[in-house]
Amino acid sequence: MKFFLDENMPLSVVDAIRNIGFEAEHVKTVGLQGSTDKEIANHARKNNAILVTKDLEFGGRTLYPKGSHYGLLVLRLPHFFTARQIIEAITNFLTEVRPEILENAVVVLELGRYRMRKLS
């Protein structure tokens, strides 16, 4: 499984995701820093990668209708969370659930819970 991290995610999350056995890239490491949300979403979809972001806009059905995402993980954690706390939340989530649930779904990760909406 592949993950593609939006610009608003700490770069250190890439290594954390890789350490638990998944592929991961960051907008900055593929030369898309400063790109539009549409370009970022298209890159993730074309590479069959789950887009990881803090931006709720990516989950909007109007801007991103069916087929816009391979999968989407939106973090709704406290704004004051450090990179270490974000890493902990993501790694706990990815080790506690079957990662396949992220494919073809919008998943919103909050403290202690998650919500999921299938895209099909």
N, C-alpha and C. Protein backbone atom coordinates (compact mmCIF):
# COMPACT_ATOMS: atom_id res chain seq x y z
N MET A 1 0.85 -1.17 0.00
CA MET A 1 0.00 0.00 0.00
C MET A 1 0.89 1.23 0.00
N LYS A 2 0.45 2.26 -0.75
CA LYS A 2 1.20 3.50 -0.87
C LYS A 2 0.43 4.65 -0.22
N PHE A 3 1.20 5.56 0.35
CA PHE A 3 0.64 6.78 0.93
C PHE A 3 1.33 7.98 0.32
N PHE A 4 0.58 9.04 0.08
CA PHE A 4 1.12 10.29 -0.44
C PHE A 4 0.70 11.40 0.51
N LEU A 5 1.68 12.07 1.12
CA LEU A 5 1.40 13.06 2.14
C LEU A 5 1.36 14.47 1.58
N ASP A 6 0.32 15.18 1.95
CA ASP A 6 0.12 16.56 1.54
C ASP A 6 1.17 17.46 2.21
N GLU A 7 1.29 18.65 1.68
CA GLU A 7 2.27 19.62 2.17
C GLU A 7 2.05 19.99 3.64
N ASN A 8 0.83 19.87 4.13
CA ASN A 8 0.54 20.24 5.51
C ASN A 8 0.88 19.14 6.52
N MET A 9 1.47 18.06 6.03
CA MET A 9 1.88 16.96 6.90
C MET A 9 3.39 17.05 7.17
N PRO A 10 3.81 16.74 8.40
CA PRO A 10 5.25 16.74 8.68
C PRO A 10 5.98 15.73 7.80
N LEU A 11 7.12 16.11 7.29
CA LEU A 11 7.93 15.24 6.44
C LEU A 11 8.34 13.97 7.17
N SER A 12 8.50 14.06 8.48
CA SER A 12 8.92 12.90 9.28
C SER A 12 7.88 11.78 9.29
N VAL A 13 6.65 12.06 8.91
CA VAL A 13 5.62 11.03 8.86
C VAL A 13 5.94 10.00 7.77
N VAL A 14 6.64 10.43 6.73
CA VAL A 14 7.03 9.50 5.65
C VAL A 14 7.84 8.34 6.22
N ASP A 15 8.87 8.65 6.99
CA ASP A 15 9.69 7.59 7.59
C ASP A 15 8.90 6.71 8.53
N ALA A 16 8.00 7.31 9.30
CA ALA A 16 7.19 6.53 10.23
C ALA A 16 6.31 5.53 9.50
N ILE A 17 5.72 5.95 8.39
CA ILE A 17 4.87 5.05 7.60
C ILE A 17 5.72 3.95 6.96
N ARG A 18 6.87 4.32 6.47
CA ARG A 18 7.77 3.32 5.88
C ARG A 18 8.23 2.30 6.92
N ASN A 19 8.45 2.76 8.15
CA ASN A 19 8.92 1.88 9.22
C ASN A 19 7.91 0.80 9.59
N ILE A 20 6.63 1.02 9.29
CA ILE A 20 5.65 -0.02 9.58
C ILE A 20 5.32 -0.86 8.34
N GLY A 21 6.09 -0.63 7.26
CA GLY A 21 6.01 -1.53 6.12
C GLY A 21 5.27 -1.04 4.89
N PHE A 22 4.94 0.23 4.82
CA PHE A 22 4.23 0.76 3.66
C PHE A 22 5.13 1.70 2.87
N GLU A 23 4.75 1.94 1.63
CA GLU A 23 5.43 2.94 0.82
C GLU A 23 4.86 4.30 1.16
N ALA A 24 5.71 5.33 1.12
CA ALA A 24 5.23 6.68 1.41
C ALA A 24 6.09 7.72 0.70
N GLU A 25 5.43 8.76 0.20
CA GLU A 25 6.09 9.90 -0.40
C GLU A 25 5.43 11.16 0.12
N HIS A 26 6.14 12.25 0.02
CA HIS A 26 5.65 13.56 0.47
C HIS A 26 5.64 14.50 -0.72
N VAL A 27 4.72 15.42 -0.73
CA VAL A 27 4.64 16.42 -1.79
C VAL A 27 6.01 17.06 -2.05
N LYS A 28 6.73 17.36 -0.98
CA LYS A 28 8.04 18.02 -1.12
C LYS A 28 9.08 17.14 -1.81
N THR A 29 9.02 15.84 -1.58
CA THR A 29 10.07 14.96 -2.12
C THR A 29 9.82 14.56 -3.58
N VAL A 30 8.64 14.85 -4.10
CA VAL A 30 8.36 14.54 -5.50
C VAL A 30 8.25 15.80 -6.36
N GLY A 31 8.62 16.94 -5.78
CA GLY A 31 8.64 18.19 -6.54
C GLY A 31 7.30 18.85 -6.73
N LEU A 32 6.33 18.54 -5.89
CA LEU A 32 5.00 19.15 -6.02
C LEU A 32 4.71 20.20 -4.94
N GLN A 33 5.73 20.63 -4.23
CA GLN A 33 5.54 21.66 -3.21
C GLN A 33 4.98 22.92 -3.88
N GLY A 34 3.93 23.46 -3.29
CA GLY A 34 3.29 24.66 -3.84
C GLY A 34 2.28 24.37 -4.93
N SER A 35 2.03 23.10 -5.24
CA SER A 35 1.06 22.72 -6.28
C SER A 35 -0.36 22.92 -5.77
N THR A 36 -1.29 22.94 -6.71
CA THR A 36 -2.69 23.07 -6.34
C THR A 36 -3.19 21.77 -5.72
N ASP A 37 -4.30 21.86 -5.00
CA ASP A 37 -4.91 20.66 -4.42
C ASP A 37 -5.28 19.66 -5.51
N LYS A 38 -5.77 20.14 -6.64
CA LYS A 38 -6.14 19.24 -7.74
C LYS A 38 -4.93 18.47 -8.25
N GLU A 39 -3.78 19.15 -8.39
CA GLU A 39 -2.57 18.48 -8.86
C GLU A 39 -2.12 17.42 -7.85
N ILE A 40 -2.23 17.74 -6.58
CA ILE A 40 -1.83 16.79 -5.54
C ILE A 40 -2.77 15.58 -5.55
N ALA A 41 -4.06 15.82 -5.63
CA ALA A 41 -5.03 14.72 -5.67
C ALA A 41 -4.81 13.85 -6.91
N ASN A 42 -4.54 14.48 -8.06
CA ASN A 42 -4.30 13.73 -9.29
C ASN A 42 -3.06 12.86 -9.17
N HIS A 43 -1.99 13.40 -8.58
CA HIS A 43 -0.76 12.63 -8.41
C HIS A 43 -1.02 11.39 -7.55
N ALA A 44 -1.73 11.57 -6.45
CA ALA A 44 -2.02 10.45 -5.56
C ALA A 44 -2.85 9.39 -6.29
N ARG A 45 -3.89 9.83 -6.99
CA ARG A 45 -4.77 8.89 -7.70
C ARG A 45 -4.00 8.13 -8.78
N LYS A 46 -3.20 8.83 -9.59
CA LYS A 46 -2.45 8.19 -10.68
C LYS A 46 -1.44 7.18 -10.16
N ASN A 47 -0.98 7.37 -8.93
CA ASN A 47 0.00 6.46 -8.34
C ASN A 47 -0.63 5.45 -7.38
N ASN A 48 -1.97 5.36 -7.39
CA ASN A 48 -2.69 4.43 -6.51
C ASN A 48 -2.22 4.59 -5.07
N ALA A 49 -2.17 5.83 -4.62
CA ALA A 49 -1.72 6.13 -3.26
C ALA A 49 -2.85 6.76 -2.46
N ILE A 50 -2.87 6.44 -1.18
CA ILE A 50 -3.81 7.06 -0.25
C ILE A 50 -3.27 8.45 0.06
N LEU A 51 -4.07 9.47 -0.18
CA LEU A 51 -3.68 10.84 0.12
C LEU A 51 -3.90 11.10 1.60
N VAL A 52 -2.87 11.57 2.30
CA VAL A 52 -2.95 11.88 3.73
C VAL A 52 -2.83 13.39 3.89
N THR A 53 -3.80 14.01 4.54
CA THR A 53 -3.86 15.47 4.63
C THR A 53 -4.60 15.91 5.89
N LYS A 54 -4.46 17.19 6.19
CA LYS A 54 -5.27 17.81 7.24
C LYS A 54 -6.39 18.65 6.61
N ASP A 55 -6.39 18.74 5.31
CA ASP A 55 -7.29 19.61 4.56
C ASP A 55 -8.63 18.93 4.28
N LEU A 56 -9.67 19.39 4.95
CA LEU A 56 -11.01 18.81 4.78
C LEU A 56 -11.55 18.98 3.38
N GLU A 57 -11.07 19.98 2.66
CA GLU A 57 -11.56 20.25 1.32
C GLU A 57 -11.43 19.04 0.39
N PHE A 58 -10.39 18.25 0.59
CA PHE A 58 -10.19 17.07 -0.26
C PHE A 58 -11.34 16.08 -0.15
N GLY A 59 -12.08 16.10 0.94
CA GLY A 59 -13.18 15.18 1.14
C GLY A 59 -14.50 15.66 0.58
N GLY A 60 -14.53 16.88 0.05
CA GLY A 60 -15.76 17.44 -0.49
C GLY A 60 -16.19 16.76 -1.78
N ARG A 61 -17.43 16.36 -1.84
CA ARG A 61 -17.95 15.64 -3.01
C ARG A 61 -18.09 16.54 -4.23
N THR A 62 -18.27 17.83 -4.01
CA THR A 62 -18.45 18.73 -5.14
C THR A 62 -17.14 18.91 -5.90
N LEU A 63 -16.07 19.22 -5.17
CA LEU A 63 -14.76 19.42 -5.80
C LEU A 63 -14.09 18.11 -6.19
N TYR A 64 -14.35 17.06 -5.42
CA TYR A 64 -13.71 15.77 -5.65
C TYR A 64 -14.78 14.68 -5.72
N PRO A 65 -15.46 14.58 -6.87
CA PRO A 65 -16.51 13.56 -7.01
C PRO A 65 -15.94 12.15 -7.09
N LYS A 66 -16.82 11.19 -7.19
CA LYS A 66 -16.44 9.78 -7.30
C LYS A 66 -15.32 9.62 -8.34
N GLY A 67 -14.29 8.87 -7.99
CA GLY A 67 -13.17 8.64 -8.88
C GLY A 67 -12.03 9.62 -8.74
N SER A 68 -12.19 10.63 -7.89
CA SER A 68 -11.15 11.64 -7.71
C SER A 68 -10.00 11.15 -6.84
N HIS A 69 -10.27 10.18 -5.99
CA HIS A 69 -9.26 9.68 -5.07
C HIS A 69 -9.15 8.16 -5.16
N TYR A 70 -7.94 7.68 -4.97
CA TYR A 70 -7.74 6.24 -4.77
C TYR A 70 -8.16 5.90 -3.34
N GLY A 71 -7.90 6.84 -2.45
CA GLY A 71 -8.27 6.75 -1.04
C GLY A 71 -7.81 8.03 -0.37
N LEU A 72 -8.45 8.38 0.73
CA LEU A 72 -8.15 9.65 1.41
C LEU A 72 -8.19 9.45 2.91
N LEU A 73 -7.13 9.90 3.58
CA LEU A 73 -7.08 9.89 5.04
C LEU A 73 -6.92 11.34 5.49
N VAL A 74 -7.98 11.86 6.14
CA VAL A 74 -7.98 13.24 6.61
C VAL A 74 -7.77 13.23 8.12
N LEU A 75 -6.75 13.95 8.57
CA LEU A 75 -6.48 14.03 10.01
C LEU A 75 -7.22 15.21 10.62
N ARG A 76 -8.00 14.93 11.64
CA ARG A 76 -8.71 15.98 12.40
C ARG A 76 -8.22 15.87 13.84
N LEU A 77 -6.96 16.18 14.01
CA LEU A 77 -6.32 16.15 15.33
C LEU A 77 -6.18 17.57 15.83
N PRO A 78 -5.96 17.75 17.13
CA PRO A 78 -5.80 19.10 17.65
C PRO A 78 -4.70 19.87 16.91
N HIS A 79 -4.95 21.14 16.65
CA HIS A 79 -4.01 21.96 15.87
C HIS A 79 -2.64 22.09 16.53
N PHE A 80 -2.58 21.88 17.84
CA PHE A 80 -1.31 22.03 18.55
C PHE A 80 -0.48 20.75 18.57
N PHE A 81 -0.96 19.68 17.95
CA PHE A 81 -0.22 18.42 17.95
C PHE A 81 1.14 18.60 17.28
N THR A 82 2.15 18.02 17.90
CA THR A 82 3.50 18.04 17.34
C THR A 82 3.63 16.93 16.30
N ALA A 83 4.73 16.96 15.56
CA ALA A 83 4.98 15.91 14.57
C ALA A 83 4.99 14.54 15.24
N ARG A 84 5.58 14.45 16.40
CA ARG A 84 5.63 13.17 17.13
C ARG A 84 4.21 12.67 17.45
N GLN A 85 3.33 13.56 17.87
CA GLN A 85 1.96 13.15 18.20
C GLN A 85 1.19 12.74 16.94
N ILE A 86 1.44 13.43 15.85
CA ILE A 86 0.80 13.07 14.58
C ILE A 86 1.27 11.69 14.13
N ILE A 87 2.58 11.47 14.23
CA ILE A 87 3.15 10.16 13.87
C ILE A 87 2.53 9.07 14.73
N GLU A 88 2.41 9.31 16.01
CA GLU A 88 1.83 8.32 16.91
C GLU A 88 0.38 7.99 16.52
N ALA A 89 -0.40 9.03 16.22
CA ALA A 89 -1.80 8.82 15.84
C ALA A 89 -1.91 8.01 14.55
N ILE A 90 -1.10 8.35 13.56
CA ILE A 90 -1.17 7.65 12.27
C ILE A 90 -0.67 6.21 12.41
N THR A 91 0.45 6.01 13.07
CA THR A 91 0.98 4.65 13.19
C THR A 91 0.07 3.77 14.03
N ASN A 92 -0.51 4.31 15.08
CA ASN A 92 -1.48 3.53 15.87
C ASN A 92 -2.66 3.13 15.01
N PHE A 93 -3.17 4.06 14.23
CA PHE A 93 -4.31 3.78 13.37
C PHE A 93 -3.97 2.70 12.34
N LEU A 94 -2.83 2.87 11.66
CA LEU A 94 -2.46 1.93 10.60
C LEU A 94 -2.10 0.54 11.11
N THR A 95 -1.71 0.44 12.37
CA THR A 95 -1.41 -0.88 12.92
C THR A 95 -2.62 -1.53 13.58
N GLU A 96 -3.66 -0.75 13.83
CA GLU A 96 -4.85 -1.30 14.50
C GLU A 96 -5.97 -1.65 13.53
N VAL A 97 -5.98 -1.08 12.34
CA VAL A 97 -7.04 -1.38 11.36
C VAL A 97 -6.42 -2.08 10.16
N ARG A 98 -7.25 -2.72 9.39
CA ARG A 98 -6.78 -3.29 8.12
C ARG A 98 -6.61 -2.12 7.15
N PRO A 99 -5.42 -1.85 6.69
CA PRO A 99 -5.18 -0.70 5.82
C PRO A 99 -6.01 -0.71 4.54
N GLU A 100 -6.47 -1.87 4.12
CA GLU A 100 -7.28 -1.96 2.92
C GLU A 100 -8.56 -1.14 3.01
N ILE A 101 -9.02 -0.85 4.23
CA ILE A 101 -10.25 -0.07 4.37
C ILE A 101 -10.08 1.34 3.80
N LEU A 102 -8.84 1.78 3.64
CA LEU A 102 -8.58 3.12 3.12
C LEU A 102 -8.77 3.20 1.61
N GLU A 103 -8.68 2.07 0.93
CA GLU A 103 -8.84 2.08 -0.52
C GLU A 103 -10.29 2.40 -0.87
N ASN A 104 -10.45 3.33 -1.80
CA ASN A 104 -11.77 3.74 -2.27
C ASN A 104 -12.67 4.25 -1.14
N ALA A 105 -12.05 4.98 -0.21
CA ALA A 105 -12.80 5.52 0.93
C ALA A 105 -12.22 6.85 1.38
N VAL A 106 -13.06 7.63 2.04
CA VAL A 106 -12.61 8.82 2.75
C VAL A 106 -12.68 8.46 4.23
N VAL A 107 -11.53 8.51 4.89
CA VAL A 107 -11.46 8.19 6.31
C VAL A 107 -11.01 9.43 7.05
N VAL A 108 -11.76 9.81 8.07
CA VAL A 108 -11.41 10.95 8.91
C VAL A 108 -10.93 10.40 10.24
N LEU A 109 -9.67 10.68 10.55
CA LEU A 109 -9.06 10.20 11.78
C LEU A 109 -9.09 11.30 12.82
N GLU A 110 -9.73 10.99 13.95
CA GLU A 110 -9.81 11.90 15.08
C GLU A 110 -9.16 11.23 16.28
N LEU A 111 -9.08 11.92 17.38
CA LEU A 111 -8.52 11.33 18.59
C LEU A 111 -9.40 10.17 19.06
N GLY A 112 -8.85 8.97 19.06
CA GLY A 112 -9.55 7.82 19.59
C GLY A 112 -10.63 7.21 18.72
N ARG A 113 -10.81 7.73 17.50
CA ARG A 113 -11.84 7.16 16.63
C ARG A 113 -11.60 7.58 15.19
N TYR A 114 -12.33 6.92 14.31
CA TYR A 114 -12.29 7.31 12.90
C TYR A 114 -13.68 7.13 12.29
N ARG A 115 -13.94 7.88 11.24
CA ARG A 115 -15.19 7.78 10.47
C ARG A 115 -14.80 7.44 9.04
N MET A 116 -15.64 6.67 8.38
CA MET A 116 -15.32 6.26 7.03
C MET A 116 -16.54 6.38 6.12
N ARG A 117 -16.28 6.84 4.90
CA ARG A 117 -17.32 6.90 3.85
C ARG A 117 -16.71 6.29 2.59
N LYS A 118 -17.34 5.25 2.07
CA LYS A 118 -16.86 4.63 0.84
C LYS A 118 -17.13 5.57 -0.33
N LEU A 119 -16.22 5.57 -1.29
CA LEU A 119 -16.35 6.44 -2.46
C LEU A 119 -17.20 5.85 -3.56
N SER A 120 -17.47 4.56 -3.52
CA SER A 120 -18.27 3.95 -4.59
C SER A 120 -19.72 3.83 -4.19
